[in-house]
């Protein structure tokens, strides 16, 4: 089993920045990849960015050049640095960890971009 605890998020003005964190515990060695997803009201949950155990990253087109996914192995923590935020980035953000057997989700954190 893997447990994921998220932190960060909140209210920010357009053009601002936020950093989300996701700390994993439990069977960390079973994780083969991690990612960030978001879900806005009325929309399905969608991939924002992902990172494999080998460090390969992938981004949704809408966030390329603005968001950066990274991880700190020593802290078992994944980050999402979000810059140049736009109102359309407003959503609940979830972190996800994949093992060969199943997927695990964080508790979600609200990001609101508004003036």
Protein backbone atom coordinates (compact mmCIF):
# COMPACT_ATOMS: atom_id res chain seq x y z
CA UNK A 1 0.00 0.00 0.00
CA UNK A 2 1.03 3.57 -0.71
CA UNK A 3 -0.24 6.64 1.10
CA UNK A 4 -0.08 10.08 -0.52
CA UNK A 5 -0.40 13.34 1.40
CA UNK A 6 -0.70 16.60 -0.51
CA UNK A 7 0.11 20.13 0.56
CA UNK A 8 0.14 23.53 -1.10
CA UNK A 9 -2.53 25.14 -3.19
CA UNK A 10 -4.75 28.07 -2.34
CA UNK A 11 -5.82 31.35 -3.91
CA UNK A 12 -3.52 33.22 -6.27
CA UNK A 13 -3.92 36.08 -8.71
CA UNK A 14 -3.54 35.54 -12.45
CA UNK A 15 0.13 35.47 -13.38
CA UNK A 16 1.11 34.23 -9.95
CA UNK A 17 2.81 31.03 -8.84
CA UNK A 18 2.09 28.13 -6.52
CA UNK A 19 3.86 24.92 -5.63
CA UNK A 20 2.08 21.69 -4.80
CA UNK A 21 3.73 18.85 -2.90
CA UNK A 22 2.84 15.17 -2.64
CA UNK A 23 4.64 13.01 -0.09
CA UNK A 24 4.49 9.26 -0.39
CA UNK A 25 4.81 6.68 2.36
CA UNK A 26 4.37 2.93 2.63
CA UNK A 27 5.48 0.64 -0.23
CA UNK A 28 7.40 3.37 -2.02
CA UNK A 29 9.64 0.92 -3.85
CA UNK A 30 6.59 -0.37 -5.73
CA UNK A 31 5.93 3.00 -7.40
CA UNK A 32 6.75 3.07 -11.12
CA UNK A 33 5.40 6.51 -11.89
CA UNK A 34 3.63 9.50 -10.43
CA UNK A 35 1.59 12.37 -11.74
CA UNK A 36 -0.64 15.34 -11.12
CA UNK A 37 -4.23 15.50 -12.27
CA UNK A 38 -6.86 18.20 -11.96
CA UNK A 39 -10.61 18.36 -12.00
CA UNK A 40 -12.62 21.50 -12.52
CA UNK A 41 -16.36 21.64 -11.74
CA UNK A 42 -18.31 19.86 -14.44
CA UNK A 43 -15.19 18.38 -16.00
CA UNK A 44 -13.53 15.01 -15.83
CA UNK A 45 -10.25 14.54 -14.01
CA UNK A 46 -7.42 15.13 -16.47
CA UNK A 47 -3.68 14.61 -16.51
CA UNK A 48 -1.58 17.70 -15.89
CA UNK A 49 1.91 16.22 -15.72
CA UNK A 50 3.60 12.91 -15.03
CA UNK A 51 7.04 11.61 -14.15
CA UNK A 52 8.33 8.07 -14.39
CA UNK A 53 10.68 6.35 -11.99
CA UNK A 54 13.37 7.00 -14.59
CA UNK A 55 12.66 10.73 -14.56
CA UNK A 56 10.87 11.05 -17.89
CA UNK A 57 8.29 13.82 -17.76
CA UNK A 58 5.14 14.51 -19.73
CA UNK A 59 2.86 17.56 -19.72
CA UNK A 60 -0.58 18.47 -20.92
CA UNK A 61 -0.34 20.96 -23.78
CA UNK A 62 -2.23 23.56 -21.73
CA UNK A 63 0.52 23.73 -19.08
CA UNK A 64 3.69 23.22 -21.13
CA UNK A 65 6.21 25.95 -20.41
CA UNK A 66 4.36 27.07 -17.27
CA UNK A 67 4.29 24.02 -14.98
CA UNK A 68 7.20 21.85 -13.89
CA UNK A 69 6.93 18.43 -12.29
CA UNK A 70 9.82 17.18 -10.18
CA UNK A 71 10.62 14.79 -7.38
CA UNK A 72 12.96 14.53 -4.43
CA UNK A 73 13.78 10.89 -3.79
CA UNK A 74 15.34 11.59 -0.43
CA UNK A 75 12.08 13.14 0.78
CA UNK A 76 9.78 10.76 -1.16
CA UNK A 77 8.07 13.88 -2.42
CA UNK A 78 6.83 15.00 -5.82
CA UNK A 79 6.27 18.65 -6.67
CA UNK A 80 4.32 20.67 -9.18
CA UNK A 81 5.66 24.17 -9.66
CA UNK A 82 2.97 26.26 -11.33
CA UNK A 83 3.94 29.61 -12.83
CA UNK A 84 2.03 32.14 -14.92
CA UNK A 85 -1.22 30.80 -13.55
CA UNK A 86 -4.43 31.50 -15.43
CA UNK A 87 -8.06 31.46 -14.27
CA UNK A 88 -8.58 28.31 -16.32
CA UNK A 89 -6.06 26.52 -14.11
CA UNK A 90 -8.61 26.69 -11.30
CA UNK A 91 -9.40 23.15 -10.18
CA UNK A 92 -8.89 20.55 -7.50
CA UNK A 93 -5.45 19.04 -8.04
CA UNK A 94 -4.72 15.41 -7.19
CA UNK A 95 -1.47 13.52 -7.08
CA UNK A 96 -1.38 9.93 -8.24
CA UNK A 97 1.09 7.11 -7.80
CA UNK A 98 1.18 3.99 -9.93
CA UNK A 99 2.47 0.59 -8.96
CA UNK A 100 2.26 -2.51 -11.15
CA UNK A 101 -0.84 -3.53 -9.20
CA UNK A 102 -2.87 -0.38 -8.69
CA UNK A 103 -3.16 3.38 -8.55
CA UNK A 104 -3.17 5.52 -5.44
CA UNK A 105 -4.55 9.04 -5.06
CA UNK A 106 -3.86 11.95 -2.79
CA UNK A 107 -6.63 13.77 -0.97
CA UNK A 108 -6.81 16.65 -3.44
CA UNK A 109 -6.10 20.33 -2.97
CA UNK A 110 -7.94 23.36 -4.31
CA UNK A 111 -6.14 25.81 -6.57
CA UNK A 112 -8.06 28.99 -7.37
CA UNK A 113 -6.71 31.59 -9.78
CA UNK A 114 -8.70 34.77 -9.49
CA UNK A 115 -8.24 38.49 -9.12
